[in-house]
């Protein structure tokens, strides 16, 4: 009996030591992963951002040594007509694209929520397909569609007896052509987000509205839309950040003159074509601050308004 008790105690001691050893290894593994993530964050985000801030107070063209100029780049920016033209194009693009994409995505997600099973999944997959297509492929496809002579859209218009359009060759149409392309590309992701939000709404609210005789429109306007406002605010924040960062769409589908030159394209042209790195960094800092303010305002609205 005494031998068996000693054996059990020894076994318990060994198990405790093994458990402690595994916990020790697990803690070191967790610290190693956290350290790797911290190093990655420093290399990819903190260091480039710090360099951009430093450059915004200097003049540098890759040839001569950087020269400190203080706030001169920022003063130049606010007096630069090309800069304000890029701001106007960027704000117009973001406002129109986000408004239309959210409106269409919200309505389609609500209608899609009425379906179930394979029908819903199949339709959602079709809308989501452009999201997973490489952006360069999508841009080149739409560039072919917008060709003024022999493009698919003008061939269709001609077959319907309508006059062909210049599309990307027109300073009035080019920006809106890009808006259509971007909406087509990201509409699927907007629908997925809204559909997930609709599925989280309690079914008894919809059923109560139906018992009261509310049709689809009243259900959408008085139940779905108010309860989805936090999701809508989140989508607006993500979309504003995303539209300010779009680049290849405006490079490959550029219109005449400066009609489609956004802040992102202007920053690239300053830094890598004009080799005006200091001024380009100052413009990039303006983009960062503008997005930071827009995000803070939207998140403040999210926490202040939407309590049920």
Protein backbone atom coordinates (compact mmCIF):
# COMPACT_ATOMS: atom_id res chain seq x y z
CA UNK A 1 0.00 0.00 0.00
CA UNK A 2 2.80 2.36 0.91
CA UNK A 3 4.64 1.52 -2.32
CA UNK A 4 1.59 2.27 -4.41
CA UNK A 5 1.14 5.63 -2.63
CA UNK A 6 4.75 6.56 -3.32
CA UNK A 7 4.32 5.53 -6.95
CA UNK A 8 1.24 7.75 -7.33
CA UNK A 9 3.03 10.69 -5.71
CA UNK A 10 6.02 10.25 -8.02
CA UNK A 11 3.76 10.03 -11.03
CA UNK A 12 1.92 13.19 -9.99
CA UNK A 13 5.22 15.00 -9.51
CA UNK A 14 6.42 14.00 -12.98
CA UNK A 15 3.10 15.09 -14.55
CA UNK A 16 3.31 18.44 -12.75
CA UNK A 17 6.87 19.00 -13.98
CA UNK A 18 5.91 18.08 -17.55
CA UNK A 19 2.95 20.44 -17.41
CA UNK A 20 5.13 23.24 -16.13
CA UNK A 21 7.71 22.52 -18.83
CA UNK A 22 5.02 22.67 -21.54
CA UNK A 23 3.70 25.93 -20.10
CA UNK A 24 7.25 27.33 -20.08
CA UNK A 25 7.75 26.36 -23.73
CA UNK A 26 4.33 27.80 -24.62
CA UNK A 27 5.14 31.13 -22.98
CA UNK A 28 8.45 31.39 -24.82
CA UNK A 29 6.74 30.48 -28.09
CA UNK A 30 4.13 33.18 -27.52
CA UNK A 31 6.83 35.77 -26.77
CA UNK A 32 8.72 34.74 -29.93
CA UNK A 33 5.63 35.15 -32.12
CA UNK A 34 4.82 38.51 -30.51
CA UNK A 35 8.42 39.68 -31.05
CA UNK A 36 8.29 38.65 -34.73
CA UNK A 37 5.03 40.54 -35.20
CA UNK A 38 6.52 43.59 -33.48
CA UNK A 39 9.59 43.50 -35.74
CA UNK A 40 7.35 43.12 -38.80
CA UNK A 41 5.22 46.07 -37.68
CA UNK A 42 8.31 48.22 -37.11
CA UNK A 43 9.82 47.37 -40.51
CA UNK A 44 6.63 47.63 -42.58
CA UNK A 45 4.80 50.49 -40.83
CA UNK A 46 6.72 52.46 -38.22
CA UNK A 47 10.02 52.89 -40.06
CA UNK A 48 8.52 53.93 -43.45
CA UNK A 49 6.09 56.29 -41.74
CA UNK A 50 8.90 57.88 -39.72
CA UNK A 51 10.97 58.33 -42.88
CA UNK A 52 7.99 59.94 -44.66
CA UNK A 53 7.50 62.38 -41.77
CA UNK A 54 11.20 63.22 -41.81
CA UNK A 55 11.23 63.68 -45.59
CA UNK A 56 8.25 66.05 -45.47
CA UNK A 57 10.49 68.60 -43.73
CA UNK A 58 13.32 68.23 -46.26
CA UNK A 59 14.07 68.67 -49.95
CA UNK A 60 15.62 65.62 -51.60
CA UNK A 61 15.93 64.47 -55.19
CA UNK A 62 17.99 61.26 -54.78
CA UNK A 63 21.08 63.15 -55.99
CA UNK A 64 22.13 65.83 -53.52
CA UNK A 65 21.97 65.43 -49.76
CA UNK A 66 18.60 66.14 -48.09
CA UNK A 67 18.18 69.76 -47.07
CA UNK A 68 16.00 70.79 -44.13
CA UNK A 69 13.33 73.29 -45.19
CA UNK A 70 10.98 73.25 -42.21
CA UNK A 71 7.32 73.80 -43.12
CA UNK A 72 8.10 75.06 -46.62
CA UNK A 73 6.74 71.90 -48.30
CA UNK A 74 3.44 72.29 -46.45
CA UNK A 75 3.21 75.98 -47.36
CA UNK A 76 3.85 75.06 -50.98
CA UNK A 77 1.18 72.37 -50.81
CA UNK A 78 -1.58 74.74 -49.72
CA UNK A 79 -0.63 77.18 -52.49
CA UNK A 80 -0.41 74.49 -55.18
CA UNK A 81 -3.30 74.51 -57.67
CA UNK A 82 -2.41 71.02 -58.91
CA UNK A 83 -2.70 69.73 -55.34
CA UNK A 84 -6.18 71.17 -54.87
CA UNK A 85 -7.20 69.77 -58.26
CA UNK A 86 -6.12 66.32 -57.03
CA UNK A 87 -8.05 66.87 -53.79
CA UNK A 88 -11.19 67.75 -55.75
CA UNK A 89 -10.88 64.65 -57.96
CA UNK A 90 -10.23 62.39 -54.94
CA UNK A 91 -13.14 63.73 -52.88
CA UNK A 92 -15.53 63.60 -55.85
CA UNK A 93 -14.52 60.05 -56.68
CA UNK A 94 -14.81 58.87 -53.06
CA UNK A 95 -18.18 60.54 -52.41
CA UNK A 96 -19.84 59.27 -55.60
CA UNK A 97 -18.34 55.77 -55.51
CA UNK A 98 -19.05 55.16 -51.82
CA UNK A 99 -22.62 56.50 -51.99
CA UNK A 100 -23.59 54.41 -55.01
CA UNK A 101 -21.77 51.26 -53.87
CA UNK A 102 -23.34 51.34 -50.40
CA UNK A 103 -26.84 52.05 -51.76
CA UNK A 104 -26.70 49.26 -54.35
CA UNK A 105 -24.95 46.82 -52.02
CA UNK A 106 -27.46 47.44 -49.24
CA UNK A 107 -30.49 46.90 -51.45
CA UNK A 108 -29.03 43.80 -53.11
CA UNK A 109 -27.98 42.34 -49.76
CA UNK A 110 -31.51 42.84 -48.39
CA UNK A 111 -33.09 41.18 -51.43
CA UNK A 112 -30.53 38.38 -51.27
CA UNK A 113 -31.34 37.79 -47.60
CA UNK A 114 -34.85 36.75 -48.69
CA UNK A 115 -33.30 33.75 -50.44
CA UNK A 116 -31.93 30.65 -48.78
CA UNK A 117 -29.61 27.79 -49.59
CA UNK A 118 -27.77 27.30 -52.84
CA UNK A 119 -29.62 30.13 -54.63
CA UNK A 120 -28.29 32.72 -52.18
CA UNK A 121 -24.76 31.29 -52.20
CA UNK A 122 -24.62 31.09 -56.00
CA UNK A 123 -25.77 34.68 -56.57
CA UNK A 124 -23.44 35.97 -53.85
CA UNK A 125 -20.51 34.09 -55.41
CA UNK A 126 -21.20 35.73 -58.78
CA UNK A 127 -21.14 39.20 -57.23
CA UNK A 128 -18.03 38.37 -55.21
CA UNK A 129 -16.06 37.00 -58.16
CA UNK A 130 -14.67 40.42 -59.27
CA UNK A 131 -13.23 40.93 -55.78
CA UNK A 132 -10.85 37.99 -56.14
CA UNK A 133 -9.80 38.84 -59.70
CA UNK A 134 -6.38 40.55 -59.72
CA UNK A 135 -6.87 44.30 -59.96
CA UNK A 136 -4.59 44.67 -63.00
CA UNK A 137 -6.64 42.08 -64.88
CA UNK A 138 -9.86 43.92 -64.03
CA UNK A 139 -8.38 47.25 -65.10
CA UNK A 140 -7.18 45.90 -68.44
CA UNK A 141 -10.58 44.28 -69.04
CA UNK A 142 -12.42 47.55 -68.46
CA UNK A 143 -9.86 49.43 -70.50
CA UNK A 144 -10.78 47.21 -73.45
CA UNK A 145 -14.49 47.74 -72.77
CA UNK A 146 -14.03 51.51 -72.80
CA UNK A 147 -12.08 51.69 -76.10
CA UNK A 148 -13.71 54.44 -78.15
CA UNK A 149 -13.19 52.70 -81.51
CA UNK A 150 -14.38 49.11 -81.46
CA UNK A 151 -14.76 48.75 -77.69
CA UNK A 152 -17.51 46.49 -76.37
CA UNK A 153 -19.58 49.31 -74.89
CA UNK A 154 -19.54 51.40 -78.06
CA UNK A 155 -20.35 48.36 -80.18
CA UNK A 156 -23.39 47.78 -77.95
CA UNK A 157 -24.44 51.43 -78.13
CA UNK A 158 -24.13 51.43 -81.92
CA UNK A 159 -26.21 48.26 -82.21
CA UNK A 160 -28.94 49.97 -80.17
CA UNK A 161 -28.90 53.01 -82.45
CA UNK A 162 -27.20 55.25 -79.89
CA UNK A 163 -24.17 57.43 -80.59
CA UNK A 164 -20.76 56.10 -79.46
CA UNK A 165 -19.17 57.73 -76.44
CA UNK A 166 -15.56 58.85 -75.88
CA UNK A 167 -15.48 57.37 -72.36
CA UNK A 168 -11.83 57.61 -71.19
CA UNK A 169 -11.02 60.16 -73.89
CA UNK A 170 -13.44 62.64 -72.32
CA UNK A 171 -12.45 64.72 -69.31
CA UNK A 172 -16.12 64.79 -68.25
CA UNK A 173 -16.69 61.00 -68.52
CA UNK A 174 -13.33 59.48 -67.55
CA UNK A 175 -13.71 59.80 -63.78
CA UNK A 176 -17.20 58.31 -63.81
CA UNK A 177 -15.99 55.45 -66.00
CA UNK A 178 -13.48 54.59 -63.27
CA UNK A 179 -16.23 54.89 -60.65
CA UNK A 180 -18.32 52.30 -62.51
CA UNK A 181 -15.34 49.95 -62.71
CA UNK A 182 -14.51 50.28 -59.00
CA UNK A 183 -18.14 49.71 -57.98
CA UNK A 184 -18.22 46.55 -60.12
CA UNK A 185 -14.98 45.37 -58.50
CA UNK A 186 -15.88 45.82 -54.83
CA UNK A 187 -19.67 45.49 -54.79
CA UNK A 188 -19.41 41.84 -53.75
CA UNK A 189 -17.48 42.65 -50.57
CA UNK A 190 -20.02 45.34 -49.66
CA UNK A 191 -22.86 42.85 -50.14
CA UNK A 192 -21.12 40.22 -47.98
CA UNK A 193 -20.72 42.69 -45.11
CA UNK A 194 -24.32 43.91 -45.27
CA UNK A 195 -25.68 40.38 -45.65
CA UNK A 196 -23.80 39.32 -42.52
CA UNK A 197 -25.28 42.31 -40.67
CA UNK A 198 -28.81 41.50 -41.86
CA UNK A 199 -28.42 37.89 -40.73
CA UNK A 200 -27.58 39.13 -37.22
CA UNK A 201 -30.90 41.00 -36.91
CA UNK A 202 -33.31 38.98 -34.72
CA UNK A 203 -35.88 37.14 -36.80
CA UNK A 204 -38.71 37.99 -34.40
CA UNK A 205 -38.45 41.67 -35.38
CA UNK A 206 -39.00 40.82 -39.05
CA UNK A 207 -41.79 38.40 -38.18
CA UNK A 208 -43.54 41.01 -36.01
CA UNK A 209 -43.36 43.54 -38.83
CA UNK A 210 -44.80 41.01 -41.27
CA UNK A 211 -47.68 40.26 -38.87
CA UNK A 212 -48.40 43.98 -38.74
CA UNK A 213 -48.68 43.99 -42.54
CA UNK A 214 -45.32 45.63 -43.34
CA UNK A 215 -44.09 44.91 -46.85
CA UNK A 216 -40.49 44.59 -47.98
CA UNK A 217 -40.02 48.34 -48.29
CA UNK A 218 -41.29 49.07 -44.77
CA UNK A 219 -39.23 46.22 -43.33
CA UNK A 220 -36.15 47.61 -45.03
CA UNK A 221 -36.74 51.27 -44.12
CA UNK A 222 -37.95 50.95 -40.52
CA UNK A 223 -36.15 47.82 -39.29
CA UNK A 224 -33.21 46.75 -41.45
CA UNK A 225 -31.77 50.18 -42.20
CA UNK A 226 -31.77 51.57 -38.62
CA UNK A 227 -30.24 48.38 -37.20
CA UNK A 228 -27.58 48.33 -39.92
CA UNK A 229 -26.34 51.86 -39.28
CA UNK A 230 -23.23 50.72 -37.33
CA UNK A 231 -22.36 48.39 -40.23
CA UNK A 232 -22.92 51.23 -42.70
CA UNK A 233 -20.61 53.53 -40.73
CA UNK A 234 -17.94 50.83 -40.68
CA UNK A 235 -18.30 50.35 -44.44
CA UNK A 236 -18.01 54.09 -45.01
CA UNK A 237 -14.78 54.26 -42.98
CA UNK A 238 -13.25 51.28 -44.81
CA UNK A 239 -14.37 52.62 -48.19
CA UNK A 240 -12.95 56.11 -47.58
CA UNK A 241 -9.57 54.63 -46.67
CA UNK A 242 -9.70 52.28 -49.66
CA UNK A 243 -10.70 54.87 -52.25
CA UNK A 244 -7.97 57.27 -51.14
CA UNK A 245 -5.41 54.48 -51.69
CA UNK A 246 -6.53 53.30 -55.15
CA UNK A 247 -3.73 53.66 -57.65
CA UNK A 248 -3.56 51.30 -60.63
CA UNK A 249 -7.16 52.07 -61.64
CA UNK A 250 -6.23 55.72 -62.20
CA UNK A 251 -2.94 54.90 -63.91
CA UNK A 252 -4.26 52.45 -66.52
CA UNK A 253 -7.65 54.16 -66.98
CA UNK A 254 -6.40 57.73 -66.83
CA UNK A 255 -8.39 60.42 -68.59
CA UNK A 256 -7.12 63.49 -70.44
CA UNK A 257 -5.28 66.19 -68.55
CA UNK A 258 -5.72 66.06 -64.79
CA UNK A 259 -9.33 64.85 -64.86
CA UNK A 260 -8.49 61.56 -63.11
CA UNK A 261 -5.36 62.47 -61.14
CA UNK A 262 -6.01 61.69 -57.49
CA UNK A 263 -3.85 62.44 -54.46
CA UNK A 264 -2.32 58.95 -54.59
CA UNK A 265 -1.30 59.41 -58.24
CA UNK A 266 -0.07 62.95 -57.58
CA UNK A 267 2.10 61.70 -54.70
CA UNK A 268 3.59 59.01 -56.94
CA UNK A 269 4.32 61.52 -59.71
CA UNK A 270 5.99 63.91 -57.29
CA UNK A 271 8.16 61.28 -55.66
CA UNK A 272 9.14 58.98 -58.53
CA UNK A 273 8.71 61.03 -61.70
CA UNK A 274 9.62 64.55 -60.58
CA UNK A 275 11.98 63.24 -57.86
CA UNK A 276 10.52 65.79 -55.47
CA UNK A 277 10.51 63.41 -52.50
CA UNK A 278 10.10 66.02 -49.79
CA UNK A 279 7.00 67.57 -51.32
CA UNK A 280 5.59 64.15 -52.18
CA UNK A 281 6.05 63.10 -48.55
CA UNK A 282 4.21 66.24 -47.42
CA UNK A 283 1.26 65.36 -49.67
CA UNK A 284 1.26 61.82 -48.27
CA UNK A 285 1.13 63.26 -44.75
CA UNK A 286 -1.90 65.29 -45.78
CA UNK A 287 -3.59 62.08 -46.97
CA UNK A 288 -2.79 60.39 -43.65
CA UNK A 289 -4.16 63.24 -41.55
CA UNK A 290 -7.28 63.56 -43.71
CA UNK A 291 -8.02 59.84 -43.38
CA UNK A 292 -7.32 59.97 -39.64
CA UNK A 293 -9.80 62.83 -39.15
CA UNK A 294 -12.45 61.20 -41.34
CA UNK A 295 -12.11 57.90 -39.46
CA UNK A 296 -12.28 59.62 -36.06
CA UNK A 297 -15.44 61.52 -37.05
CA UNK A 298 -17.16 58.38 -38.31
CA UNK A 299 -16.19 56.33 -35.25
CA UNK A 300 -17.42 59.13 -32.98
CA UNK A 301 -20.76 58.99 -34.75
CA UNK A 302 -20.78 55.21 -34.33
CA UNK A 303 -20.38 55.39 -30.56
CA UNK A 304 -22.55 58.47 -30.01
CA UNK A 305 -25.59 57.75 -32.14
CA UNK A 306 -26.29 54.06 -32.51
CA UNK A 307 -27.56 52.81 -29.15
CA UNK A 308 -30.73 50.73 -29.05
